[in-house]
PDB file of N, CA and C in Angstrom:
ATOM      1  N   UNK A   1      20.997  20.702  57.433  1.00  0.00           N
ATOM      2  CA  UNK A   1      20.168  19.447  56.680  1.00  0.00           C
ATOM      3  C   UNK A   1      19.559  19.270  55.645  1.00  0.00           C
ATOM      4  N   UNK A   2      18.472  20.132  54.615  1.00  0.00           N
ATOM      5  CA  UNK A   2      18.145  20.434  54.293  1.00  0.00           C
ATOM      6  C   UNK A   2      18.627  19.929  52.772  1.00  0.00           C
ATOM      7  N   UNK A   3      19.338  21.006  53.055  1.00  0.00           N
ATOM      8  CA  UNK A   3      19.941  21.160  51.248  1.00  0.00           C
ATOM      9  C   UNK A   3      20.911  19.817  51.317  1.00  0.00           C
ATOM     10  N   UNK A   4      21.191  19.280  51.731  1.00  0.00           N
ATOM     11  CA  UNK A   4      21.939  18.138  51.584  1.00  0.00           C
ATOM     12  C   UNK A   4      21.057  17.041  51.175  1.00  0.00           C
ATOM     13  N   UNK A   5      19.890  16.568  52.118  1.00  0.00           N
ATOM     14  CA  UNK A   5      19.141  15.594  51.648  1.00  0.00           C
ATOM     15  C   UNK A   5      18.573  16.075  49.911  1.00  0.00           C
ATOM     16  N   UNK A   6      18.197  17.326  49.797  1.00  0.00           N
ATOM     17  CA  UNK A   6      18.046  18.327  48.743  1.00  0.00           C
ATOM     18  C   UNK A   6      18.574  17.694  47.384  1.00  0.00           C
ATOM     19  N   UNK A   7      20.048  17.785  47.569  1.00  0.00           N
ATOM     20  CA  UNK A   7      20.736  17.319  46.879  1.00  0.00           C
ATOM     21  C   UNK A   7      20.718  16.228  46.592  1.00  0.00           C
ATOM     22  N   UNK A   8      20.477  15.416  47.095  1.00  0.00           N
ATOM     23  CA  UNK A   8      20.635  13.755  47.556  1.00  0.00           C
ATOM     24  C   UNK A   8      19.503  13.282  46.575  1.00  0.00           C
ATOM     25  N   UNK A   9      18.241  14.092  46.266  1.00  0.00           N
ATOM     26  CA  UNK A   9      17.562  13.557  45.941  1.00  0.00           C
ATOM     27  C   UNK A   9      17.366  14.350  44.632  1.00  0.00           C
ATOM     28  N   UNK A  10      17.873  15.465  43.944  1.00  0.00           N
ATOM     29  CA  UNK A  10      17.595  15.714  42.992  1.00  0.00           C
ATOM     30  C   UNK A  10      18.378  15.388  41.617  1.00  0.00           C
ATOM     31  N   UNK A  11      19.831  14.349  42.747  1.00  0.00           N
ATOM     32  CA  UNK A  11      19.882  13.629  41.201  1.00  0.00           C
ATOM     33  C   UNK A  11      19.379  12.460  40.732  1.00  0.00           C
ATOM     34  N   UNK A  12      18.468  11.789  41.366  1.00  0.00           N
ATOM     35  CA  UNK A  12      17.055  11.086  41.433  1.00  0.00           C
ATOM     36  C   UNK A  12      16.606  11.945  40.728  1.00  0.00           C
ATOM     37  N   UNK A  13      15.788  12.729  40.840  1.00  0.00           N
ATOM     38  CA  UNK A  13      14.331  13.163  39.870  1.00  0.00           C
ATOM     39  C   UNK A  13      15.105  13.482  38.804  1.00  0.00           C
ATOM     40  N   UNK A  14      16.428  14.222  38.669  1.00  0.00           N
ATOM     41  CA  UNK A  14      16.604  14.981  37.430  1.00  0.00           C
ATOM     42  C   UNK A  14      16.965  13.348  36.420  1.00  0.00           C
ATOM     43  N   UNK A  15      16.949  12.238  36.973  1.00  0.00           N
ATOM     44  CA  UNK A  15      17.419  11.741  35.947  1.00  0.00           C
ATOM     45  C   UNK A  15      15.789  10.530  35.867  1.00  0.00           C
ATOM     46  N   UNK A  16      15.196  10.599  36.486  1.00  0.00           N
ATOM     47  CA  UNK A  16      13.877  10.661  35.933  1.00  0.00           C
ATOM     48  C   UNK A  16      13.455  11.223  34.237  1.00  0.00           C
ATOM     49  N   UNK A  17      13.136  11.946  34.399  1.00  0.00           N
ATOM     50  CA  UNK A  17      12.907  12.892  33.565  1.00  0.00           C
ATOM     51  C   UNK A  17      13.797  12.826  32.198  1.00  0.00           C
ATOM     52  N   UNK A  18      15.407  12.092  32.370  1.00  0.00           N
ATOM     53  CA  UNK A  18      16.263  11.719  31.474  1.00  0.00           C
ATOM     54  C   UNK A  18      15.462  10.649  30.605  1.00  0.00           C
ATOM     55  N   UNK A  19      15.334   9.197  31.772  1.00  0.00           N
ATOM     56  CA  UNK A  19      15.208   8.257  31.582  1.00  0.00           C
ATOM     57  C   UNK A  19      13.123   8.916  30.385  1.00  0.00           C
ATOM     58  N   UNK A  20      12.675   9.354  30.535  1.00  0.00           N
ATOM     59  CA  UNK A  20      11.418   9.657  30.469  1.00  0.00           C
ATOM     60  C   UNK A  20      11.448  10.133  28.807  1.00  0.00           C
ATOM     61  N   UNK A  21      12.306  11.288  29.052  1.00  0.00           N
ATOM     62  CA  UNK A  21      12.730  12.000  27.846  1.00  0.00           C
ATOM     63  C   UNK A  21      13.419  10.966  26.334  1.00  0.00           C
ATOM     64  N   UNK A  22      14.261   9.529  27.086  1.00  0.00           N
ATOM     65  CA  UNK A  22      15.186   9.174  26.071  1.00  0.00           C
ATOM     66  C   UNK A  22      13.572   7.494  25.600  1.00  0.00           C
ATOM     67  N   UNK A  23      12.924   8.067  26.809  1.00  0.00           N
ATOM     68  CA  UNK A  23      11.904   6.761  25.851  1.00  0.00           C
ATOM     69  C   UNK A  23      10.538   7.260  24.921  1.00  0.00           C
ATOM     70  N   UNK A  24      10.887   8.571  25.141  1.00  0.00           N
ATOM     71  CA  UNK A  24       9.938   9.289  23.969  1.00  0.00           C
ATOM     72  C   UNK A  24      10.185   9.616  22.776  1.00  0.00           C
ATOM     73  N   UNK A  25      11.764   9.523  22.992  1.00  0.00           N
ATOM     74  CA  UNK A  25      12.243   9.884  21.233  1.00  0.00           C
ATOM     75  C   UNK A  25      12.054   8.728  20.240  1.00  0.00           C
ATOM     76  N   UNK A  26      11.596   9.103  18.992  1.00  0.00           N
ATOM     77  CA  UNK A  26      11.621   7.946  17.894  1.00  0.00           C
ATOM     78  C   UNK A  26      12.451   7.467  17.828  1.00  0.00           C
ATOM     79  N   UNK A  27      12.251   5.633  18.018  1.00  0.00           N
ATOM     80  CA  UNK A  27      14.028   5.564  17.287  1.00  0.00           C
ATOM     81  C   UNK A  27      14.171   4.998  16.327  1.00  0.00           C
ATOM     82  N   UNK A  28      15.087   5.092  15.578  1.00  0.00           N
ATOM     83  CA  UNK A  28      15.543   4.405  14.197  1.00  0.00           C
ATOM     84  C   UNK A  28      15.913   3.148  13.461  1.00  0.00           C
ATOM     85  N   UNK A  29      15.367   2.523  12.647  1.00  0.00           N
ATOM     86  CA  UNK A  29      15.080   1.571  12.473  1.00  0.00           C
ATOM     87  C   UNK A  29      17.038   1.080  12.127  1.00  0.00           C
ATOM     88  N   UNK A  30      16.696  -0.488  11.819  1.00  0.00           N
ATOM     89  CA  UNK A  30      17.761  -0.889  11.372  1.00  0.00           C
ATOM     90  C   UNK A  30      18.936  -0.153   9.953  1.00  0.00           C
ATOM     91  N   UNK A  31      17.166  -0.542   9.616  1.00  0.00           N
ATOM     92  CA  UNK A  31      17.770  -0.159   7.811  1.00  0.00           C
ATOM     93  C   UNK A  31      17.352   1.614   7.566  1.00  0.00           C
ATOM     94  N   UNK A  32      17.030   2.304   8.177  1.00  0.00           N
ATOM     95  CA  UNK A  32      17.949   3.730   8.389  1.00  0.00           C
ATOM     96  C   UNK A  32      18.769   4.005   8.605  1.00  0.00           C
ATOM     97  N   UNK A  33      19.420   3.406   9.831  1.00  0.00           N
ATOM     98  CA  UNK A  33      20.494   3.220  10.428  1.00  0.00           C
ATOM     99  C   UNK A  33      22.279   2.825   9.302  1.00  0.00           C
ATOM    100  N   UNK A  34      21.344   1.832   8.024  1.00  0.00           N
ATOM    101  CA  UNK A  34      22.185   1.444   7.688  1.00  0.00           C
ATOM    102  C   UNK A  34      22.569   2.535   6.231  1.00  0.00           C
ATOM    103  N   UNK A  35      21.347   3.053   6.133  1.00  0.00           N
ATOM    104  CA  UNK A  35      22.214   3.891   4.592  1.00  0.00           C
ATOM    105  C   UNK A  35      22.422   5.159   4.530  1.00  0.00           C
ATOM    106  N   UNK A  36      23.740   4.907   4.146  1.00  0.00           N
ATOM    107  CA  UNK A  36      24.547   5.989   3.643  1.00  0.00           C
ATOM    108  C   UNK A  36      23.902   7.414   3.306  1.00  0.00           C
ATOM    109  N   UNK A  37      24.478   9.007   3.780  1.00  0.00           N
ATOM    110  CA  UNK A  37      24.436   9.295   3.267  1.00  0.00           C
ATOM    111  C   UNK A  37      24.451  10.353   1.681  1.00  0.00           C
ATOM    112  N   UNK A  38      25.289   9.384   0.903  1.00  0.00           N
ATOM    113  CA  UNK A  38      24.889   9.283  -0.162  1.00  0.00           C
ATOM    114  C   UNK A  38      23.211   8.814  -1.085  1.00  0.00           C
ATOM    115  N   UNK A  39      23.274   8.067  -0.556  1.00  0.00           N
ATOM    116  CA  UNK A  39      21.838   7.014  -0.481  1.00  0.00           C
ATOM    117  C   UNK A  39      20.580   8.773  -0.640  1.00  0.00           C
ATOM    118  N   UNK A  40      20.617   9.419   0.177  1.00  0.00           N
ATOM    119  CA  UNK A  40      19.818  10.341   0.642  1.00  0.00           C
ATOM    120  C   UNK A  40      19.947  11.375  -0.305  1.00  0.00           C
ATOM    121  N   UNK A  41      20.747  11.650  -0.296  1.00  0.00           N
ATOM    122  CA  UNK A  41      21.552  12.530  -1.882  1.00  0.00           C
ATOM    123  C   UNK A  41      21.468  12.207  -2.462  1.00  0.00           C
ATOM    124  N   UNK A  42      21.546  11.250  -3.169  1.00  0.00           N
ATOM    125  CA  UNK A  42      20.793  10.592  -4.148  1.00  0.00           C
ATOM    126  C   UNK A  42      19.576  10.786  -4.854  1.00  0.00           C
ATOM    127  N   UNK A  43      18.683  10.139  -3.349  1.00  0.00           N
ATOM    128  CA  UNK A  43      17.114  10.446  -3.884  1.00  0.00           C
ATOM    129  C   UNK A  43      16.849  11.939  -4.109  1.00  0.00           C
ATOM    130  N   UNK A  44      17.308  13.141  -3.255  1.00  0.00           N
ATOM    131  CA  UNK A  44      17.422  14.495  -3.029  1.00  0.00           C
ATOM    132  C   UNK A  44      17.155  15.023  -4.590  1.00  0.00           C
ATOM    133  N   UNK A  45      18.515  14.787  -5.305  1.00  0.00           N
ATOM    134  CA  UNK A  45      18.682  14.712  -6.129  1.00  0.00           C
ATOM    135  C   UNK A  45      18.007  14.523  -7.433  1.00  0.00           C
ATOM    136  N   UNK A  46      17.161  13.207  -7.132  1.00  0.00           N
ATOM    137  CA  UNK A  46      16.297  12.459  -8.188  1.00  0.00           C
ATOM    138  C   UNK A  46      14.471  13.069  -7.878  1.00  0.00           C
ATOM    139  N   UNK A  47      14.429  13.693  -7.031  1.00  0.00           N
ATOM    140  CA  UNK A  47      13.280  14.571  -6.655  1.00  0.00           C
ATOM    141  C   UNK A  47      13.061  15.733  -7.062  1.00  0.00           C
ATOM    142  N   UNK A  48      14.127  16.324  -7.032  1.00  0.00           N
ATOM    143  CA  UNK A  48      14.518  17.479  -7.778  1.00  0.00           C
ATOM    144  C   UNK A  48      14.731  17.347  -9.306  1.00  0.00           C
ATOM    145  N   UNK A  49      15.241  16.753  -9.986  1.00  0.00           N
ATOM    146  CA  UNK A  49      15.088  16.369 -11.306  1.00  0.00           C
ATOM    147  C   UNK A  49      13.949  16.499 -12.118  1.00  0.00           C
ATOM    148  N   UNK A  50      13.215  15.007 -11.320  1.00  0.00           N
ATOM    149  CA  UNK A  50      11.369  15.175 -11.506  1.00  0.00           C
ATOM    150  C   UNK A  50      11.068  16.983 -11.757  1.00  0.00           C
ATOM    151  N   UNK A  51      11.107  16.599 -10.554  1.00  0.00           N
ATOM    152  CA  UNK A  51      10.006  18.650 -10.279  1.00  0.00           C
ATOM    153  C   UNK A  51      10.898  19.341 -11.261  1.00  0.00           C
ATOM    154  N   UNK A  52      11.586  19.516 -11.490  1.00  0.00           N
ATOM    155  CA  UNK A  52      12.852  20.661 -12.671  1.00  0.00           C
ATOM    156  C   UNK A  52      11.672  19.940 -14.460  1.00  0.00           C
ATOM    157  N   UNK A  53      11.985  18.605 -14.473  1.00  0.00           N
ATOM    158  CA  UNK A  53      11.418  18.272 -15.539  1.00  0.00           C
ATOM    159  C   UNK A  53       9.684  18.344 -15.366  1.00  0.00           C
ATOM    160  N   UNK A  54       9.478  18.107 -14.870  1.00  0.00           N
ATOM    161  CA  UNK A  54       7.802  18.336 -14.906  1.00  0.00           C
ATOM    162  C   UNK A  54       7.251  20.074 -14.619  1.00  0.00           C
ATOM    163  N   UNK A  55       7.963  20.879 -13.762  1.00  0.00           N
ATOM    164  CA  UNK A  55       8.099  22.457 -13.982  1.00  0.00           C
ATOM    165  C   UNK A  55       8.174  23.197 -15.523  1.00  0.00           C
ATOM    166  N   UNK A  56       8.844  22.598 -16.325  1.00  0.00           N
ATOM    167  CA  UNK A  56       9.439  22.866 -17.806  1.00  0.00           C
ATOM    168  C   UNK A  56       8.317  22.535 -18.357  1.00  0.00           C
ATOM    169  N   UNK A  57       8.214  21.352 -18.283  1.00  0.00           N
ATOM    170  CA  UNK A  57       7.342  20.993 -19.091  1.00  0.00           C
ATOM    171  C   UNK A  57       5.760  21.579 -18.581  1.00  0.00           C
ATOM    172  N   UNK A  58       5.484  22.334 -17.954  1.00  0.00           N
ATOM    173  CA  UNK A  58       4.129  22.566 -17.740  1.00  0.00           C
ATOM    174  C   UNK A  58       4.251  24.556 -17.950  1.00  0.00           C
ATOM    175  N   UNK A  59       5.839  24.891 -17.557  1.00  0.00           N
ATOM    176  CA  UNK A  59       5.770  25.941 -18.451  1.00  0.00           C
ATOM    177  C   UNK A  59       6.006  26.144 -19.908  1.00  0.00           C
ATOM    178  N   UNK A  60       6.808  25.397 -20.320  1.00  0.00           N
ATOM    179  CA  UNK A  60       6.304  24.890 -21.565  1.00  0.00           C
ATOM    180  C   UNK A  60       5.379  25.334 -22.754  1.00  0.00           C
ATOM    181  N   UNK A  61       4.824  23.920 -22.514  1.00  0.00           N
ATOM    182  CA  UNK A  61       3.306  24.475 -22.625  1.00  0.00           C
ATOM    183  C   UNK A  61       2.366  25.492 -22.418  1.00  0.00           C
ATOM    184  N   UNK A  62       2.561  26.030 -21.267  1.00  0.00           N
ATOM    185  CA  UNK A  62       1.599  27.318 -21.222  1.00  0.00           C
ATOM    186  C   UNK A  62       1.559  28.440 -21.896  1.00  0.00           C
ATOM    187  N   UNK A  63       3.384  28.612 -21.879  1.00  0.00           N
ATOM    188  CA  UNK A  63       3.483  29.865 -22.470  1.00  0.00           C
ATOM    189  C   UNK A  63       3.646  29.264 -24.312  1.00  0.00           C
ATOM    190  N   UNK A  64       3.437  28.400 -24.370  1.00  0.00           N
ATOM    191  CA  UNK A  64       3.441  27.967 -26.432  1.00  0.00           C
ATOM    192  C   UNK A  64       2.033  28.215 -26.499  1.00  0.00           C
ATOM    193  N   UNK A  65       1.483  27.445 -25.658  1.00  0.00           N
ATOM    194  CA  UNK A  65      -0.567  27.255 -26.089  1.00  0.00           C
ATOM    195  C   UNK A  65      -1.132  28.749 -25.769  1.00  0.00           C
ATOM    196  N   UNK A  66      -0.850  29.045 -24.627  1.00  0.00           N
ATOM    197  CA  UNK A  66      -1.646  29.781 -24.068  1.00  0.00           C
ATOM    198  C   UNK A  66      -2.753  29.175 -23.072  1.00  0.00           C
ATOM    199  N   UNK A  67      -2.477  28.328 -22.105  1.00  0.00           N
ATOM    200  CA  UNK A  67      -3.566  27.684 -21.628  1.00  0.00           C
ATOM    201  C   UNK A  67      -3.131  27.106 -20.751  1.00  0.00           C
ATOM    202  N   UNK A  68      -3.843  27.005 -20.129  1.00  0.00           N
ATOM    203  CA  UNK A  68      -3.538  26.398 -18.603  1.00  0.00           C
ATOM    204  C   UNK A  68      -4.184  24.915 -18.503  1.00  0.00           C
ATOM    205  N   UNK A  69      -5.445  24.951 -18.404  1.00  0.00           N
ATOM    206  CA  UNK A  69      -5.875  23.682 -18.585  1.00  0.00           C
ATOM    207  C   UNK A  69      -5.256  22.387 -19.705  1.00  0.00           C
ATOM    208  N   UNK A  70      -4.865  22.409 -21.020  1.00  0.00           N
ATOM    209  CA  UNK A  70      -3.457  21.823 -21.740  1.00  0.00           C
ATOM    210  C   UNK A  70      -2.256  21.791 -20.744  1.00  0.00           C
ATOM    211  N   UNK A  71      -2.116  22.879 -20.341  1.00  0.00           N
ATOM    212  CA  UNK A  71      -0.613  22.393 -18.877  1.00  0.00           C
ATOM    213  C   UNK A  71      -0.833  21.711 -18.271  1.00  0.00           C
ATOM    214  N   UNK A  72      -1.544  21.566 -17.716  1.00  0.00           N
ATOM    215  CA  UNK A  72      -1.951  21.208 -16.193  1.00  0.00           C
ATOM    216  C   UNK A  72      -1.771  19.646 -16.990  1.00  0.00           C
ATOM    217  N   UNK A  73      -2.464  19.315 -18.087  1.00  0.00           N
ATOM    218  CA  UNK A  73      -2.921  17.777 -18.596  1.00  0.00           C
ATOM    219  C   UNK A  73      -1.874  17.204 -19.075  1.00  0.00           C
ATOM    220  N   UNK A  74      -0.815  18.385 -20.030  1.00  0.00           N
ATOM    221  CA  UNK A  74       0.292  17.516 -20.615  1.00  0.00           C
ATOM    222  C   UNK A  74       1.098  17.347 -19.147  1.00  0.00           C
ATOM    223  N   UNK A  75       1.339  17.901 -18.104  1.00  0.00           N
ATOM    224  CA  UNK A  75       2.019  17.865 -17.129  1.00  0.00           C
ATOM    225  C   UNK A  75       2.090  16.482 -16.322  1.00  0.00           C
ATOM    226  N   UNK A  76       0.031  16.177 -15.945  1.00  0.00           N
ATOM    227  CA  UNK A  76       0.301  14.993 -15.701  1.00  0.00           C
ATOM    228  C   UNK A  76       0.454  13.748 -16.559  1.00  0.00           C
ATOM    229  N   UNK A  77       0.446  14.086 -17.963  1.00  0.00           N
ATOM    230  CA  UNK A  77       0.527  13.148 -18.404  1.00  0.00           C
ATOM    231  C   UNK A  77       1.903  12.906 -18.620  1.00  0.00           C
ATOM    232  N   UNK A  78       2.941  14.129 -18.529  1.00  0.00           N
ATOM    233  CA  UNK A  78       4.372  13.417 -18.078  1.00  0.00           C
ATOM    234  C   UNK A  78       4.645  13.209 -17.011  1.00  0.00           C
ATOM    235  N   UNK A  79       3.560  13.157 -15.523  1.00  0.00           N
ATOM    236  CA  UNK A  79       4.092  12.489 -14.717  1.00  0.00           C
ATOM    237  C   UNK A  79       4.099  11.340 -14.878  1.00  0.00           C
ATOM    238  N   UNK A  80       2.735  10.734 -15.506  1.00  0.00           N
ATOM    239  CA  UNK A  80       2.243   9.221 -15.918  1.00  0.00           C
ATOM    240  C   UNK A  80       3.837   8.586 -16.152  1.00  0.00           C
ATOM    241  N   UNK A  81       4.108   9.327 -17.638  1.00  0.00           N
ATOM    242  CA  UNK A  81       5.076   8.942 -18.423  1.00  0.00           C
ATOM    243  C   UNK A  81       6.135   8.347 -17.850  1.00  0.00           C
ATOM    244  N   UNK A  82       6.376   9.269 -16.883  1.00  0.00           N
ATOM    245  CA  UNK A  82       7.850   8.845 -15.983  1.00  0.00           C
ATOM    246  C   UNK A  82       7.777   8.088 -14.949  1.00  0.00           C
ATOM    247  N   UNK A  83       6.430   8.284 -14.104  1.00  0.00           N
ATOM    248  CA  UNK A  83       6.279   6.849 -13.233  1.00  0.00           C
ATOM    249  C   UNK A  83       6.141   5.122 -13.989  1.00  0.00           C
ATOM    250  N   UNK A  84       5.704   5.318 -15.601  1.00  0.00           N
ATOM    251  CA  UNK A  84       5.352   4.197 -16.170  1.00  0.00           C
ATOM    252  C   UNK A  84       7.693   3.148 -16.258  1.00  0.00           C
ATOM    253  N   UNK A  85       7.426   4.433 -17.073  1.00  0.00           N
ATOM    254  CA  UNK A  85       9.446   4.431 -17.423  1.00  0.00           C
ATOM    255  C   UNK A  85       9.870   4.022 -16.391  1.00  0.00           C
ATOM    256  N   UNK A  86       9.952   4.425 -14.836  1.00  0.00           N
ATOM    257  CA  UNK A  86      10.632   3.746 -13.782  1.00  0.00           C
ATOM    258  C   UNK A  86       9.985   2.584 -13.363  1.00  0.00           C
ATOM    259  N   UNK A  87       8.592   2.314 -13.132  1.00  0.00           N
ATOM    260  CA  UNK A  87       8.486   1.126 -13.041  1.00  0.00           C
ATOM    261  C   UNK A  87       9.046  -0.052 -14.096  1.00  0.00           C
ATOM    262  N   UNK A  88       8.491   0.465 -15.540  1.00  0.00           N
ATOM    263  CA  UNK A  88       9.338  -0.866 -16.231  1.00  0.00           C
ATOM    264  C   UNK A  88      10.598  -1.109 -15.351  1.00  0.00           C
ATOM    265  N   UNK A  89      11.752   0.201 -15.483  1.00  0.00           N
ATOM    266  CA  UNK A  89      13.010  -0.226 -15.322  1.00  0.00           C
ATOM    267  C   UNK A  89      13.415  -1.283 -14.489  1.00  0.00           C
ATOM    268  N   UNK A  90      12.471  -0.910 -13.314  1.00  0.00           N
ATOM    269  CA  UNK A  90      13.141  -1.620 -11.721  1.00  0.00           C
ATOM    270  C   UNK A  90      12.157  -3.162 -12.451  1.00  0.00           C
ATOM    271  N   UNK A  91      11.046  -3.269 -12.703  1.00  0.00           N
ATOM    272  CA  UNK A  91      10.730  -4.313 -13.419  1.00  0.00           C
ATOM    273  C   UNK A  91      11.735  -5.628 -14.357  1.00  0.00           C
ATOM    274  N   UNK A  92      12.075  -4.598 -15.671  1.00  0.00           N
ATOM    275  CA  UNK A  92      14.148  -4.919 -15.926  1.00  0.00           C
ATOM    276  C   UNK A  92      14.936  -5.310 -15.154  1.00  0.00           C
ATOM    277  N   UNK A  93      15.310  -4.789 -14.062  1.00  0.00           N
ATOM    278  CA  UNK A  93      15.998  -5.416 -13.321  1.00  0.00           C
ATOM    279  C   UNK A  93      16.126  -5.983 -12.454  1.00  0.00           C
ATOM    280  N   UNK A  94      15.090  -6.138 -12.086  1.00  0.00           N
ATOM    281  CA  UNK A  94      14.452  -7.617 -11.511  1.00  0.00           C
ATOM    282  C   UNK A  94      14.493  -8.297 -12.066  1.00  0.00           C
ATOM    283  N   UNK A  95      14.328  -8.866 -12.870  1.00  0.00           N
ATOM    284  CA  UNK A  95      14.269  -9.715 -13.955  1.00  0.00           C
ATOM    285  C   UNK A  95      16.023 -10.052 -14.611  1.00  0.00           C
ATOM    286  N   UNK A  96      16.321  -9.177 -14.598  1.00  0.00           N
ATOM    287  CA  UNK A  96      17.879  -9.700 -14.778  1.00  0.00           C
ATOM    288  C   UNK A  96      18.847  -9.545 -13.760  1.00  0.00           C
ATOM    289  N   UNK A  97      18.093  -9.679 -12.197  1.00  0.00           N
ATOM    290  CA  UNK A  97      19.064 -10.146 -11.485  1.00  0.00           C
ATOM    291  C   UNK A  97      18.560 -11.619 -11.216  1.00  0.00           C
ATOM    292  N   UNK A  98      17.109 -11.670 -11.667  1.00  0.00           N
ATOM    293  CA  UNK A  98      16.725 -13.221 -11.006  1.00  0.00           C
ATOM    294  C   UNK A  98      17.351 -14.373 -12.082  1.00  0.00           C
ATOM    295  N   UNK A  99      17.636 -13.354 -13.175  1.00  0.00           N
ATOM    296  CA  UNK A  99      17.849 -14.270 -14.498  1.00  0.00           C
ATOM    297  C   UNK A  99      19.315 -14.977 -14.207  1.00  0.00           C
ATOM    298  N   UNK A 100      20.573 -13.120 -13.551  1.00  0.00           N
ATOM    299  CA  UNK A 100      21.673 -13.871 -13.564  1.00  0.00           C
ATOM    300  C   UNK A 100      21.512 -14.888 -11.964  1.00  0.00           C
ATOM    301  N   UNK A 101      21.458 -14.669 -10.760  1.00  0.00           N
ATOM    302  CA  UNK A 101      20.704 -15.089  -9.454  1.00  0.00           C
ATOM    303  C   UNK A 101      20.665 -16.722 -10.115  1.00  0.00           C
ATOM    304  N   UNK A 102      19.605 -17.123 -11.023  1.00  0.00           N
ATOM    305  CA  UNK A 102      18.695 -18.347 -11.665  1.00  0.00           C
ATOM    306  C   UNK A 102      19.808 -19.205 -12.334  1.00  0.00           C
ATOM    307  N   UNK A 103      20.565 -18.658 -12.377  1.00  0.00           N
ATOM    308  CA  UNK A 103      21.099 -20.080 -14.089  1.00  0.00           C
ATOM    309  C   UNK A 103      22.352 -20.113 -12.645  1.00  0.00           C
ATOM    310  N   UNK A 104      22.924 -19.318 -12.092  1.00  0.00           N
ATOM    311  CA  UNK A 104      24.321 -19.696 -11.103  1.00  0.00           C
ATOM    312  C   UNK A 104      23.379 -20.792 -10.007  1.00  0.00           C
ATOM    313  N   UNK A 105      21.934 -20.492  -9.232  1.00  0.00           N
ATOM    314  CA  UNK A 105      21.943 -21.562  -8.959  1.00  0.00           C
ATOM    315  C   UNK A 105      20.997 -22.967  -9.612  1.00  0.00           C
ATOM    316  N   UNK A 106      21.016 -22.677 -11.089  1.00  0.00           N
ATOM    317  CA  UNK A 106      20.633 -24.213 -11.512  1.00  0.00           C
ATOM    318  C   UNK A 106      21.801 -24.862 -11.746  1.00  0.00           C
ATOM    319  N   UNK A 107      23.134 -24.118 -11.855  1.00  0.00           N
ATOM    320  CA  UNK A 107      24.598 -24.925 -12.135  1.00  0.00           C
ATOM    321  C   UNK A 107      24.084 -26.052 -10.750  1.00  0.00           C
ATOM    322  N   UNK A 108      24.597 -25.190  -9.609  1.00  0.00           N
ATOM    323  CA  UNK A 108      24.550 -25.940  -8.548  1.00  0.00           C
ATOM    324  C   UNK A 108      23.781 -26.928  -8.463  1.00  0.00           C
ATOM    325  N   UNK A 109      22.165 -26.736  -8.358  1.00  0.00           N
ATOM    326  CA  UNK A 109      21.456 -28.181  -8.126  1.00  0.00           C
ATOM    327  C   UNK A 109      21.455 -29.005  -9.156  1.00  0.00           C
ATOM    328  N   UNK A 110      22.273 -28.817 -10.835  1.00  0.00           N
ATOM    329  CA  UNK A 110      22.373 -29.635 -11.567  1.00  0.00           C
ATOM    330  C   UNK A 110      23.465 -30.356 -10.689  1.00  0.00           C
ATOM    331  N   UNK A 111      24.454 -29.894 -10.755  1.00  0.00           N
ATOM    332  CA  UNK A 111      26.025 -31.032  -9.634  1.00  0.00           C
ATOM    333  C   UNK A 111      25.023 -31.703  -8.973  1.00  0.00           C
ATOM    334  N   UNK A 112      24.341 -31.032  -8.094  1.00  0.00           N
ATOM    335  CA  UNK A 112      24.185 -31.929  -6.814  1.00  0.00           C
ATOM    336  C   UNK A 112      22.781 -33.079  -7.371  1.00  0.00           C
ATOM    337  N   UNK A 113      22.361 -32.957  -8.048  1.00  0.00           N
ATOM    338  CA  UNK A 113      21.767 -33.740  -8.781  1.00  0.00           C
ATOM    339  C   UNK A 113      22.498 -35.020  -9.421  1.00  0.00           C
ATOM    340  N   UNK A 114      23.397 -35.084 -10.076  1.00  0.00           N
ATOM    341  CA  UNK A 114      24.200 -35.756 -11.066  1.00  0.00           C
ATOM    342  C   UNK A 114      24.868 -36.486  -9.620  1.00  0.00           C
ATOM    343  N   UNK A 115      25.590 -36.036  -8.690  1.00  0.00           N
ATOM    344  CA  UNK A 115      26.107 -36.785  -7.926  1.00  0.00           C
ATOM    345  C   UNK A 115      24.690 -37.645  -6.913  1.00  0.00           C
ATOM    346  N   UNK A 116      23.701 -37.173  -6.864  1.00  0.00           N
ATOM    347  CA  UNK A 116      22.469 -37.935  -5.834  1.00  0.00           C
ATOM    348  C   UNK A 116      22.119 -39.150  -7.277  1.00  0.00           C
ATOM    349  N   UNK A 117      22.359 -38.699  -8.228  1.00  0.00           N
ATOM    350  CA  UNK A 117      21.851 -40.622  -9.292  1.00  0.00           C
ATOM    351  C   UNK A 117      22.866 -41.616  -9.719  1.00  0.00           C
ATOM    352  N   UNK A 118      24.499 -40.809  -9.232  1.00  0.00           N
ATOM    353  CA  UNK A 118      25.359 -41.638  -8.950  1.00  0.00           C
ATOM    354  C   UNK A 118      25.119 -42.889  -8.146  1.00  0.00           C
ATOM    355  N   UNK A 119      24.718 -43.973  -8.518  1.00  0.00           N
ATOM    356  CA  UNK A 119      24.634 -45.315  -7.161  1.00  0.00           C
ATOM    357  C   UNK A 119      26.503 -45.476  -7.179  1.00  0.00           C
ATOM    358  N   UNK A 120      26.065 -46.035  -5.927  1.00  0.00           N
ATOM    359  CA  UNK A 120      27.174 -46.590  -5.366  1.00  0.00           C
ATOM    360  C   UNK A 120      27.304 -48.447  -4.861  1.00  0.00           C
ATOM    361  N   UNK A 121      27.989 -48.958  -5.445  1.00  0.00           N
ATOM    362  CA  UNK A 121      28.005 -50.476  -5.607  1.00  0.00           C
ATOM    363  C   UNK A 121      28.423 -51.150  -5.122  1.00  0.00           C
TER     364      UNK A 121
END
């Protein structure tokens, strides 16, 4: 008799830890689920290229000038320059897309204002 009662209690006990484990798992946001594997790969490649540029810059400066201090300073300057260029490019793309969207919306608003001005007698 005991084994039958124990086997009936085991599935209920076994399911409780599973639900607890499911609740403890971190959930993915909708944004993470919408990302494609290629987008993650592109970011990975971008980070590798930035690291390659900075390391090659540091090694060239160190071997050319034989100074660790100058290698660190020029590497930091190079990273700041890369960040400034990246930020400038983002601003440019935002401005370009807002201009394209603005001309399209302005045309729609101009048509609706013309219709509103026409009086019906």
